[in-house]
Amino acid sequence: MSESVTSGAMGMTVESAFAGMTSVSPVVFRAGCPDCRGRFELTAGALRLAIGATSRTTFYSFTCPECGASVRKPAGERIVELLTGGGVRTLRLHSTL
């Protein structure tokens, strides 16, 4: 699709829709380390999300920027929604039945 294509209903081009937009703030997530108890913000690139067949196999992980510990935490439906919406890379785990 060309950037100059207009929307049939509104007649607006992509260029005009984004005119004046200078930058987009990166999404950051608040996190904490259970080892050093550090509290910090992480970008989507610092997190990984694994979605398994059950809630027990669905989790997110990151490396603590303060102590270097590998952290793995469970991810419920809302966390999955927030992380995927924020651009966190996702791995779908498949069962080996």
C-alpha atoms as a PDB file:
ATOM      1  CA  MET A   1       0.000   0.000   0.000  1.00  0.00           C
ATOM      2  CA  SER A   2       1.346   3.413  -0.896  1.00  0.00           C
ATOM      3  CA  GLU A   3       1.698   6.052   1.792  1.00  0.00           C
ATOM      4  CA  SER A   4      -0.333   8.446  -0.313  1.00  0.00           C
ATOM      5  CA  VAL A   5      -3.359   6.162  -0.544  1.00  0.00           C
ATOM      6  CA  THR A   6      -6.432   7.867   0.830  1.00  0.00           C
ATOM      7  CA  SER A   7      -9.063   6.402   3.084  1.00  0.00           C
ATOM      8  CA  GLY A   8     -12.345   6.133   1.239  1.00  0.00           C
ATOM      9  CA  ALA A   9     -14.474   7.330   4.141  1.00  0.00           C
ATOM     10  CA  MET A  10     -12.379  10.221   5.362  1.00  0.00           C
ATOM     11  CA  GLY A  11     -10.158  11.142   2.387  1.00  0.00           C
ATOM     12  CA  MET A  12      -7.101  11.432   4.644  1.00  0.00           C
ATOM     13  CA  THR A  13      -3.609  10.429   3.542  1.00  0.00           C
ATOM     14  CA  VAL A  14      -1.100   8.712   5.795  1.00  0.00           C
ATOM     15  CA  GLU A  15       1.149  11.760   5.455  1.00  0.00           C
ATOM     16  CA  SER A  16      -1.581  14.104   6.701  1.00  0.00           C
ATOM     17  CA  ALA A  17      -2.581  11.751   9.521  1.00  0.00           C
ATOM     18  CA  PHE A  18       0.974  11.738  10.890  1.00  0.00           C
ATOM     19  CA  ALA A  19       1.867  15.330  10.003  1.00  0.00           C
ATOM     20  CA  GLY A  20       3.444  17.138  12.925  1.00  0.00           C
ATOM     21  CA  MET A  21       4.256  13.924  14.783  1.00  0.00           C
ATOM     22  CA  THR A  22       7.886  14.210  15.767  1.00  0.00           C
ATOM     23  CA  SER A  23       8.549  11.135  17.886  1.00  0.00           C
ATOM     24  CA  VAL A  24       6.936   8.268  19.704  1.00  0.00           C
ATOM     25  CA  SER A  25       7.940   7.454  23.271  1.00  0.00           C
ATOM     26  CA  PRO A  26       9.114   3.873  23.722  1.00  0.00           C
ATOM     27  CA  VAL A  27       6.967   1.621  25.878  1.00  0.00           C
ATOM     28  CA  VAL A  28       8.546   0.837  29.244  1.00  0.00           C
ATOM     29  CA  PHE A  29       7.497  -1.738  31.795  1.00  0.00           C
ATOM     30  CA  ARG A  30       8.072  -1.560  35.545  1.00  0.00           C
ATOM     31  CA  ALA A  31       9.693  -4.634  36.990  1.00  0.00           C
ATOM     32  CA  GLY A  32      11.384  -5.861  40.122  1.00  0.00           C
ATOM     33  CA  CYS A  33      14.076  -8.374  40.934  1.00  0.00           C
ATOM     34  CA  PRO A  34      13.312 -10.938  43.651  1.00  0.00           C
ATOM     35  CA  ASP A  35      17.061 -11.460  44.288  1.00  0.00           C
ATOM     36  CA  CYS A  36      18.330  -7.916  44.888  1.00  0.00           C
ATOM     37  CA  ARG A  37      14.890  -6.308  45.336  1.00  0.00           C
ATOM     38  CA  GLY A  38      15.809  -3.679  42.744  1.00  0.00           C
ATOM     39  CA  ARG A  39      12.974  -1.755  41.061  1.00  0.00           C
ATOM     40  CA  PHE A  40      13.471  -0.481  37.521  1.00  0.00           C
ATOM     41  CA  GLU A  41      11.929   0.098  34.114  1.00  0.00           C
ATOM     42  CA  LEU A  42      12.619  -2.137  31.115  1.00  0.00           C
ATOM     43  CA  THR A  43      11.987  -1.604  27.422  1.00  0.00           C
ATOM     44  CA  ALA A  44      10.155  -4.204  25.360  1.00  0.00           C
ATOM     45  CA  GLY A  45      13.492  -5.418  23.984  1.00  0.00           C
ATOM     46  CA  ALA A  46      14.697  -6.391  27.465  1.00  0.00           C
ATOM     47  CA  LEU A  47      11.757  -8.751  28.069  1.00  0.00           C
ATOM     48  CA  ARG A  48      10.773 -12.125  26.616  1.00  0.00           C
ATOM     49  CA  LEU A  49       7.336 -13.710  26.823  1.00  0.00           C
ATOM     50  CA  ALA A  50       6.701 -17.449  26.528  1.00  0.00           C
ATOM     51  CA  ILE A  51       3.109 -18.560  26.011  1.00  0.00           C
ATOM     52  CA  GLY A  52       2.431 -22.176  26.879  1.00  0.00           C
ATOM     53  CA  ALA A  53      -0.630 -24.391  26.822  1.00  0.00           C
ATOM     54  CA  THR A  54      -1.462 -23.621  30.464  1.00  0.00           C
ATOM     55  CA  SER A  55      -1.030 -20.804  32.948  1.00  0.00           C
ATOM     56  CA  ARG A  56       1.816 -22.789  34.527  1.00  0.00           C
ATOM     57  CA  THR A  57       3.792 -22.685  31.266  1.00  0.00           C
ATOM     58  CA  THR A  58       3.147 -19.025  30.424  1.00  0.00           C
ATOM     59  CA  PHE A  59       5.762 -16.630  31.777  1.00  0.00           C
ATOM     60  CA  TYR A  60       7.923 -13.611  31.028  1.00  0.00           C
ATOM     61  CA  SER A  61      11.626 -13.287  31.710  1.00  0.00           C
ATOM     62  CA  PHE A  62      14.384 -10.701  31.831  1.00  0.00           C
ATOM     63  CA  THR A  63      17.867 -10.154  33.202  1.00  0.00           C
ATOM     64  CA  CYS A  64      18.052  -7.837  36.199  1.00  0.00           C
ATOM     65  CA  PRO A  65      20.005  -4.734  35.151  1.00  0.00           C
ATOM     66  CA  GLU A  66      21.221  -4.226  38.740  1.00  0.00           C
ATOM     67  CA  CYS A  67      22.504  -7.666  39.789  1.00  0.00           C
ATOM     68  CA  GLY A  68      22.463  -9.673  36.538  1.00  0.00           C
ATOM     69  CA  ALA A  69      20.107 -12.378  37.837  1.00  0.00           C
ATOM     70  CA  SER A  70      17.863 -14.204  35.377  1.00  0.00           C
ATOM     71  CA  VAL A  71      14.293 -13.524  36.436  1.00  0.00           C
ATOM     72  CA  ARG A  72      11.255 -15.563  35.382  1.00  0.00           C
ATOM     73  CA  LYS A  73       7.737 -14.624  36.466  1.00  0.00           C
ATOM     74  CA  PRO A  74       4.295 -16.064  35.688  1.00  0.00           C
ATOM     75  CA  ALA A  75       2.184 -14.161  33.178  1.00  0.00           C
ATOM     76  CA  GLY A  76      -1.590 -14.174  33.445  1.00  0.00           C
ATOM     77  CA  GLU A  77      -3.924 -13.066  30.676  1.00  0.00           C
ATOM     78  CA  ARG A  78      -3.645  -9.354  31.489  1.00  0.00           C
ATOM     79  CA  ILE A  79       0.165  -9.437  31.610  1.00  0.00           C
ATOM     80  CA  VAL A  80       0.250 -11.292  28.274  1.00  0.00           C
ATOM     81  CA  GLU A  81      -2.051  -8.652  26.783  1.00  0.00           C
ATOM     82  CA  LEU A  82       0.098  -5.760  28.071  1.00  0.00           C
ATOM     83  CA  LEU A  83       3.402  -7.291  27.005  1.00  0.00           C
ATOM     84  CA  THR A  84       2.281  -8.290  23.516  1.00  0.00           C
ATOM     85  CA  GLY A  85       0.625  -4.903  23.030  1.00  0.00           C
ATOM     86  CA  GLY A  86       3.854  -3.229  24.091  1.00  0.00           C
ATOM     87  CA  GLY A  87       5.945  -5.052  21.514  1.00  0.00           C
ATOM     88  CA  VAL A  88       7.612  -7.706  23.678  1.00  0.00           C
ATOM     89  CA  ARG A  89       8.950 -10.614  21.632  1.00  0.00           C
ATOM     90  CA  THR A  90       6.830 -13.707  22.134  1.00  0.00           C
ATOM     91  CA  LEU A  91       7.634 -17.407  21.922  1.00  0.00           C
ATOM     92  CA  ARG A  92       4.728 -19.823  21.623  1.00  0.00           C
ATOM     93  CA  LEU A  93       5.478 -23.152  23.293  1.00  0.00           C
ATOM     94  CA  HIS A  94       3.943 -26.212  21.661  1.00  0.00           C
ATOM     95  CA  SER A  95       3.100 -29.444  23.415  1.00  0.00           C
ATOM     96  CA  THR A  96       4.729 -32.665  22.244  1.00  0.00           C
ATOM     97  CA  LEU A  97       1.704 -34.961  22.300  1.00  0.00           C
END
